[in-house]
């Protein structure tokens, strides 16, 4: 998947792993709502090498960024969000697995964020 970088983003998504596909779906939904989205796919998290284009895109966004991961938020996603914030003047939040134990039954399964979860989080960040 290719990065989608806008100069006038409302929000910048930084998806990791399988969340990249849901981020693309969420972008389409958000676009229908009039929300401008950039997506910068995180393919290399070790070593994590922030690109100047990422920081510029983040700083040009209205509401900052959102790191998406299919793991718990107290790990890589939070670390990446922290580094992005240290290198920019923008807030960066995370959306990951729910903070509970996973199981192998529908009522206790803990799945990565869906496109709908991402849309809800972005709308919350934007207060819309």
N, C-alpha and C. Protein backbone atom coordinates (compact mmCIF):
# COMPACT_ATOMS: atom_id res chain seq x y z
N UNK A 1 0.84 -1.18 0.00
CA UNK A 1 0.00 0.00 0.00
C UNK A 1 0.88 1.24 0.00
N UNK A 2 0.47 2.23 -0.77
CA UNK A 2 1.24 3.46 -0.88
C UNK A 2 0.75 4.49 0.13
N UNK A 3 1.68 5.33 0.58
CA UNK A 3 1.32 6.44 1.45
C UNK A 3 0.42 7.40 0.69
N UNK A 4 -0.49 8.03 1.41
CA UNK A 4 -1.37 9.05 0.86
C UNK A 4 -1.08 10.31 1.66
N UNK A 5 -0.39 11.24 1.06
CA UNK A 5 0.03 12.43 1.78
C UNK A 5 -0.65 13.66 1.17
N UNK A 6 -1.40 14.36 2.03
CA UNK A 6 -2.08 15.59 1.64
C UNK A 6 -1.39 16.76 2.34
N UNK A 7 -1.39 17.89 1.69
CA UNK A 7 -0.80 19.09 2.31
C UNK A 7 -1.76 19.75 3.28
N UNK A 8 -3.05 19.38 3.20
CA UNK A 8 -4.07 20.02 4.02
C UNK A 8 -4.89 19.00 4.81
N UNK A 9 -4.24 18.03 5.42
CA UNK A 9 -4.94 16.98 6.15
C UNK A 9 -5.61 17.51 7.41
N UNK A 10 -6.74 16.91 7.72
CA UNK A 10 -7.33 17.13 9.04
C UNK A 10 -6.63 16.21 10.05
N UNK A 11 -6.32 15.00 9.61
CA UNK A 11 -5.71 13.98 10.48
C UNK A 11 -4.73 13.15 9.67
N UNK A 12 -3.70 12.64 10.34
CA UNK A 12 -2.71 11.77 9.69
C UNK A 12 -2.74 10.42 10.41
N UNK A 13 -3.01 9.36 9.66
CA UNK A 13 -3.01 8.01 10.22
C UNK A 13 -1.64 7.38 9.99
N UNK A 14 -1.12 6.71 11.03
CA UNK A 14 0.14 5.99 10.96
C UNK A 14 -0.13 4.52 11.30
N UNK A 15 -0.67 3.75 10.35
CA UNK A 15 -1.01 2.36 10.65
C UNK A 15 0.19 1.42 10.58
N UNK A 16 0.16 0.43 11.47
CA UNK A 16 1.18 -0.61 11.54
C UNK A 16 0.50 -1.95 11.24
N UNK A 17 1.20 -2.81 10.50
CA UNK A 17 0.77 -4.18 10.26
C UNK A 17 -0.62 -4.25 9.61
N UNK A 18 -1.47 -5.12 10.11
CA UNK A 18 -2.77 -5.39 9.50
C UNK A 18 -3.70 -4.19 9.56
N UNK A 19 -3.44 -3.24 10.46
CA UNK A 19 -4.30 -2.06 10.57
C UNK A 19 -4.20 -1.17 9.33
N UNK A 20 -3.22 -1.40 8.50
CA UNK A 20 -3.07 -0.60 7.27
C UNK A 20 -4.29 -0.74 6.37
N UNK A 21 -4.87 -1.94 6.29
CA UNK A 21 -6.01 -2.16 5.42
C UNK A 21 -7.27 -1.47 5.96
N UNK A 22 -7.46 -1.52 7.27
CA UNK A 22 -8.60 -0.84 7.88
C UNK A 22 -8.45 0.68 7.80
N UNK A 23 -7.20 1.17 7.86
CA UNK A 23 -6.96 2.61 7.72
C UNK A 23 -7.41 3.10 6.36
N UNK A 24 -7.16 2.33 5.32
CA UNK A 24 -7.59 2.71 3.97
C UNK A 24 -9.12 2.74 3.89
N UNK A 25 -9.78 1.76 4.50
CA UNK A 25 -11.24 1.75 4.52
C UNK A 25 -11.77 2.95 5.31
N UNK A 26 -11.14 3.24 6.44
CA UNK A 26 -11.57 4.37 7.27
C UNK A 26 -11.40 5.68 6.52
N UNK A 27 -10.33 5.81 5.76
CA UNK A 27 -10.10 7.03 4.98
C UNK A 27 -11.26 7.28 4.03
N UNK A 28 -11.74 6.23 3.38
CA UNK A 28 -12.86 6.39 2.45
C UNK A 28 -14.12 6.86 3.18
N UNK A 29 -14.39 6.32 4.35
CA UNK A 29 -15.56 6.73 5.14
C UNK A 29 -15.40 8.18 5.60
N UNK A 30 -14.21 8.50 6.11
CA UNK A 30 -13.95 9.86 6.60
C UNK A 30 -14.03 10.88 5.47
N UNK A 31 -13.56 10.49 4.31
CA UNK A 31 -13.60 11.38 3.14
C UNK A 31 -15.05 11.71 2.79
N UNK A 32 -15.94 10.72 2.89
CA UNK A 32 -17.37 10.96 2.63
C UNK A 32 -17.96 11.94 3.63
N UNK A 33 -17.36 12.00 4.83
CA UNK A 33 -17.81 12.93 5.87
C UNK A 33 -17.14 14.30 5.75
N UNK A 34 -16.31 14.45 4.71
CA UNK A 34 -15.63 15.72 4.49
C UNK A 34 -14.34 15.89 5.27
N UNK A 35 -13.82 14.80 5.82
CA UNK A 35 -12.59 14.84 6.61
C UNK A 35 -11.42 14.43 5.73
N UNK A 36 -10.39 15.27 5.70
CA UNK A 36 -9.22 15.03 4.86
C UNK A 36 -8.19 14.22 5.63
N UNK A 37 -7.78 13.09 5.04
CA UNK A 37 -6.93 12.14 5.74
C UNK A 37 -5.66 11.84 4.94
N UNK A 38 -4.53 11.86 5.64
CA UNK A 38 -3.28 11.33 5.08
C UNK A 38 -3.01 10.00 5.76
N UNK A 39 -2.40 9.09 5.04
CA UNK A 39 -2.01 7.80 5.61
C UNK A 39 -0.53 7.58 5.33
N UNK A 40 0.23 7.37 6.40
CA UNK A 40 1.65 7.08 6.27
C UNK A 40 1.89 5.70 6.88
N UNK A 41 2.02 4.71 6.01
CA UNK A 41 2.16 3.32 6.43
C UNK A 41 3.51 3.10 7.12
N UNK A 42 3.45 2.46 8.29
CA UNK A 42 4.66 2.17 9.06
C UNK A 42 5.13 0.75 8.74
N UNK A 43 6.06 0.67 7.83
CA UNK A 43 6.58 -0.64 7.40
C UNK A 43 7.79 -1.07 8.21
N UNK A 44 8.55 -0.11 8.68
CA UNK A 44 9.79 -0.41 9.40
C UNK A 44 9.73 0.23 10.78
N UNK A 45 9.47 -0.59 11.80
CA UNK A 45 9.40 -0.03 13.15
C UNK A 45 10.69 -0.27 13.93
N UNK A 46 11.55 -1.09 13.41
CA UNK A 46 12.88 -1.32 14.01
C UNK A 46 13.89 -1.37 12.89
N UNK A 47 14.78 -0.43 12.76
CA UNK A 47 14.80 0.81 13.53
C UNK A 47 13.71 1.75 13.03
N UNK A 48 13.19 2.55 13.94
CA UNK A 48 12.17 3.52 13.58
C UNK A 48 12.86 4.79 13.15
N UNK A 49 12.72 5.12 11.88
CA UNK A 49 13.41 6.25 11.29
C UNK A 49 12.37 7.25 10.76
N UNK A 50 12.15 8.30 11.51
CA UNK A 50 11.16 9.30 11.14
C UNK A 50 11.64 10.07 9.92
N UNK A 51 10.77 10.18 8.94
CA UNK A 51 11.09 10.90 7.72
C UNK A 51 10.61 12.36 7.82
N UNK A 52 11.37 13.30 7.27
CA UNK A 52 10.96 14.71 7.31
C UNK A 52 9.57 14.95 6.71
N UNK A 53 9.21 14.20 5.68
CA UNK A 53 7.88 14.34 5.06
C UNK A 53 6.78 14.01 6.06
N UNK A 54 7.02 13.02 6.92
CA UNK A 54 6.02 12.64 7.92
C UNK A 54 5.77 13.80 8.88
N UNK A 55 6.85 14.41 9.34
CA UNK A 55 6.74 15.50 10.31
C UNK A 55 6.05 16.70 9.65
N UNK A 56 6.42 17.00 8.43
CA UNK A 56 5.80 18.12 7.72
C UNK A 56 4.29 17.88 7.55
N UNK A 57 3.93 16.66 7.15
CA UNK A 57 2.52 16.31 6.98
C UNK A 57 1.78 16.41 8.30
N UNK A 58 2.39 15.92 9.36
CA UNK A 58 1.80 15.97 10.69
C UNK A 58 1.61 17.41 11.15
N UNK A 59 2.63 18.24 10.97
CA UNK A 59 2.55 19.63 11.41
C UNK A 59 1.56 20.44 10.57
N UNK A 60 1.33 20.05 9.34
CA UNK A 60 0.36 20.74 8.49
C UNK A 60 -1.07 20.28 8.74
N UNK A 61 -1.24 19.21 9.52
CA UNK A 61 -2.58 18.71 9.79
C UNK A 61 -3.27 19.57 10.84
N UNK A 62 -4.58 19.57 10.83
CA UNK A 62 -5.35 20.38 11.78
C UNK A 62 -5.43 19.74 13.16
N UNK A 63 -5.51 18.39 13.20
CA UNK A 63 -5.78 17.72 14.47
C UNK A 63 -4.70 16.73 14.90
N UNK A 64 -3.59 16.66 14.17
CA UNK A 64 -2.50 15.78 14.56
C UNK A 64 -2.59 14.41 13.93
N UNK A 65 -2.10 13.41 14.68
CA UNK A 65 -1.99 12.08 14.12
C UNK A 65 -2.58 11.00 15.01
N UNK A 66 -2.68 9.82 14.43
CA UNK A 66 -3.20 8.65 15.13
C UNK A 66 -2.41 7.43 14.68
N UNK A 67 -1.70 6.80 15.63
CA UNK A 67 -0.95 5.58 15.35
C UNK A 67 -1.89 4.40 15.59
N UNK A 68 -1.96 3.50 14.63
CA UNK A 68 -2.84 2.32 14.71
C UNK A 68 -1.98 1.07 14.78
N UNK A 69 -2.33 0.15 15.67
CA UNK A 69 -1.56 -1.09 15.79
C UNK A 69 -2.47 -2.25 16.18
N UNK A 70 -2.03 -3.45 15.87
CA UNK A 70 -2.77 -4.66 16.22
C UNK A 70 -2.21 -5.30 17.49
N UNK A 71 -1.55 -4.50 18.31
CA UNK A 71 -1.02 -4.94 19.60
C UNK A 71 -1.57 -3.99 20.66
N UNK A 72 -1.16 -4.18 21.91
CA UNK A 72 -1.62 -3.31 22.99
C UNK A 72 -0.93 -1.96 22.92
N UNK A 73 -1.63 -0.92 23.38
CA UNK A 73 -1.12 0.43 23.23
C UNK A 73 0.09 0.76 24.08
N UNK A 74 0.39 0.00 25.09
CA UNK A 74 1.55 0.30 25.94
C UNK A 74 2.86 -0.19 25.32
N UNK A 75 2.90 -0.42 24.05
CA UNK A 75 4.09 -0.93 23.40
C UNK A 75 4.59 -0.02 22.30
N UNK A 76 4.80 -0.60 21.14
CA UNK A 76 5.39 0.09 20.00
C UNK A 76 4.56 1.31 19.58
N UNK A 77 3.26 1.20 19.55
CA UNK A 77 2.42 2.30 19.08
C UNK A 77 2.61 3.55 19.94
N UNK A 78 2.63 3.39 21.24
CA UNK A 78 2.82 4.54 22.13
C UNK A 78 4.21 5.12 21.96
N UNK A 79 5.19 4.26 21.78
CA UNK A 79 6.57 4.72 21.56
C UNK A 79 6.66 5.54 20.27
N UNK A 80 6.05 5.06 19.22
CA UNK A 80 6.06 5.77 17.94
C UNK A 80 5.33 7.11 18.07
N UNK A 81 4.17 7.11 18.72
CA UNK A 81 3.42 8.35 18.91
C UNK A 81 4.26 9.36 19.69
N UNK A 82 4.93 8.89 20.72
CA UNK A 82 5.78 9.76 21.54
C UNK A 82 6.90 10.38 20.69
N UNK A 83 7.56 9.56 19.89
CA UNK A 83 8.64 10.07 19.05
C UNK A 83 8.13 11.05 18.01
N UNK A 84 6.96 10.80 17.45
CA UNK A 84 6.38 11.73 16.49
C UNK A 84 6.05 13.06 17.15
N UNK A 85 5.53 13.01 18.38
CA UNK A 85 5.23 14.25 19.09
C UNK A 85 6.49 15.02 19.46
N UNK A 86 7.54 14.30 19.86
CA UNK A 86 8.80 14.97 20.21
C UNK A 86 9.42 15.69 19.01
N UNK A 87 9.16 15.17 17.82
CA UNK A 87 9.75 15.73 16.61
C UNK A 87 8.82 16.69 15.86
N UNK A 88 7.65 16.93 16.41
CA UNK A 88 6.69 17.83 15.76
C UNK A 88 6.03 18.71 16.82
N UNK A 89 5.15 19.54 16.36
CA UNK A 89 4.38 20.37 17.28
C UNK A 89 2.92 19.90 17.33
N UNK A 90 2.70 18.64 16.99
CA UNK A 90 1.34 18.11 16.86
C UNK A 90 1.06 17.00 17.86
N UNK A 91 -0.19 16.90 18.31
CA UNK A 91 -0.57 15.78 19.17
C UNK A 91 -0.69 14.51 18.34
N UNK A 92 -0.33 13.39 18.94
CA UNK A 92 -0.46 12.09 18.27
C UNK A 92 -1.03 11.11 19.30
N UNK A 93 -2.15 10.50 18.97
CA UNK A 93 -2.80 9.54 19.85
C UNK A 93 -2.58 8.13 19.30
N UNK A 94 -3.07 7.13 20.02
CA UNK A 94 -2.95 5.74 19.57
C UNK A 94 -4.31 5.05 19.64
N UNK A 95 -4.48 4.07 18.77
CA UNK A 95 -5.66 3.20 18.79
C UNK A 95 -5.16 1.80 18.51
N UNK A 96 -5.35 0.92 19.48
CA UNK A 96 -4.79 -0.43 19.40
C UNK A 96 -5.83 -1.44 19.89
N UNK A 97 -5.34 -2.60 20.32
CA UNK A 97 -6.23 -3.58 20.94
C UNK A 97 -6.83 -2.98 22.20
N UNK A 98 -8.03 -3.43 22.54
CA UNK A 98 -8.63 -3.00 23.81
C UNK A 98 -7.76 -3.52 24.95
N UNK A 99 -7.77 -2.80 26.04
CA UNK A 99 -6.92 -3.15 27.18
C UNK A 99 -7.57 -4.26 28.01
N UNK A 100 -7.61 -5.44 27.41
CA UNK A 100 -8.14 -6.62 28.10
C UNK A 100 -7.53 -7.88 27.49
N UNK A 101 -7.62 -8.96 28.20
CA UNK A 101 -7.08 -10.23 27.74
C UNK A 101 -7.88 -10.75 26.55
N UNK A 102 -7.19 -11.33 25.61
CA UNK A 102 -7.84 -11.90 24.43
C UNK A 102 -8.25 -13.34 24.69
N UNK A 103 -9.28 -13.76 24.00
CA UNK A 103 -9.73 -15.14 24.07
C UNK A 103 -10.03 -15.65 22.67
N UNK A 104 -10.49 -16.87 22.59
CA UNK A 104 -10.79 -17.47 21.29
C UNK A 104 -12.27 -17.82 21.18
N UNK A 105 -13.09 -16.87 21.57
CA UNK A 105 -14.53 -17.03 21.49
C UNK A 105 -15.10 -15.64 21.16
N UNK A 106 -16.13 -15.55 20.33
CA UNK A 106 -16.59 -14.24 19.87
C UNK A 106 -16.81 -13.19 20.97
N UNK A 107 -17.31 -13.60 22.12
CA UNK A 107 -17.60 -12.61 23.17
C UNK A 107 -16.35 -12.15 23.92
N UNK A 108 -15.22 -12.83 23.74
CA UNK A 108 -14.00 -12.44 24.45
C UNK A 108 -12.83 -12.17 23.51
N UNK A 109 -13.07 -12.25 22.21
CA UNK A 109 -12.00 -11.98 21.25
C UNK A 109 -11.58 -10.52 21.33
N UNK A 110 -10.32 -10.24 21.05
CA UNK A 110 -9.78 -8.88 21.11
C UNK A 110 -9.09 -8.61 19.78
N UNK A 111 -9.82 -7.98 18.88
CA UNK A 111 -9.35 -7.78 17.52
C UNK A 111 -8.78 -6.37 17.31
N UNK A 112 -7.94 -6.20 16.30
CA UNK A 112 -7.39 -4.87 16.00
C UNK A 112 -8.50 -3.90 15.63
N UNK A 113 -8.20 -2.60 15.68
CA UNK A 113 -9.21 -1.60 15.33
C UNK A 113 -9.77 -1.79 13.93
N UNK A 114 -11.08 -1.67 13.82
CA UNK A 114 -11.76 -1.74 12.52
C UNK A 114 -11.83 -0.34 11.93
N UNK A 115 -12.24 -0.28 10.68
CA UNK A 115 -12.43 1.03 10.03
C UNK A 115 -13.41 1.88 10.83
N UNK A 116 -14.47 1.25 11.35
CA UNK A 116 -15.46 1.97 12.14
C UNK A 116 -14.86 2.49 13.44
N UNK A 117 -14.00 1.69 14.09
CA UNK A 117 -13.31 2.14 15.31
C UNK A 117 -12.43 3.35 15.01
N UNK A 118 -11.74 3.31 13.88
CA UNK A 118 -10.84 4.40 13.48
C UNK A 118 -11.65 5.66 13.22
N UNK A 119 -12.76 5.53 12.50
CA UNK A 119 -13.62 6.68 12.21
C UNK A 119 -14.12 7.30 13.52
N UNK A 120 -14.57 6.46 14.44
CA UNK A 120 -15.07 6.95 15.73
C UNK A 120 -13.97 7.69 16.50
N UNK A 121 -12.77 7.14 16.52
CA UNK A 121 -11.65 7.77 17.23
C UNK A 121 -11.29 9.11 16.59
N UNK A 122 -11.21 9.15 15.26
CA UNK A 122 -10.89 10.40 14.56
C UNK A 122 -11.95 11.45 14.84
N UNK A 123 -13.20 11.08 14.77
CA UNK A 123 -14.28 12.03 15.05
C UNK A 123 -14.20 12.55 16.48
N UNK A 124 -13.81 11.68 17.40
CA UNK A 124 -13.64 12.07 18.79
C UNK A 124 -12.48 13.07 18.93
N UNK A 125 -11.38 12.79 18.25
CA UNK A 125 -10.22 13.70 18.28
C UNK A 125 -10.57 15.08 17.71
N UNK A 126 -11.48 15.09 16.75
CA UNK A 126 -11.86 16.34 16.08
C UNK A 126 -13.10 16.99 16.73
N UNK A 127 -13.68 16.31 17.72
CA UNK A 127 -14.90 16.80 18.38
C UNK A 127 -16.06 16.99 17.39
N UNK A 128 -16.20 16.04 16.46
CA UNK A 128 -17.32 16.11 15.50
C UNK A 128 -18.17 14.85 15.58
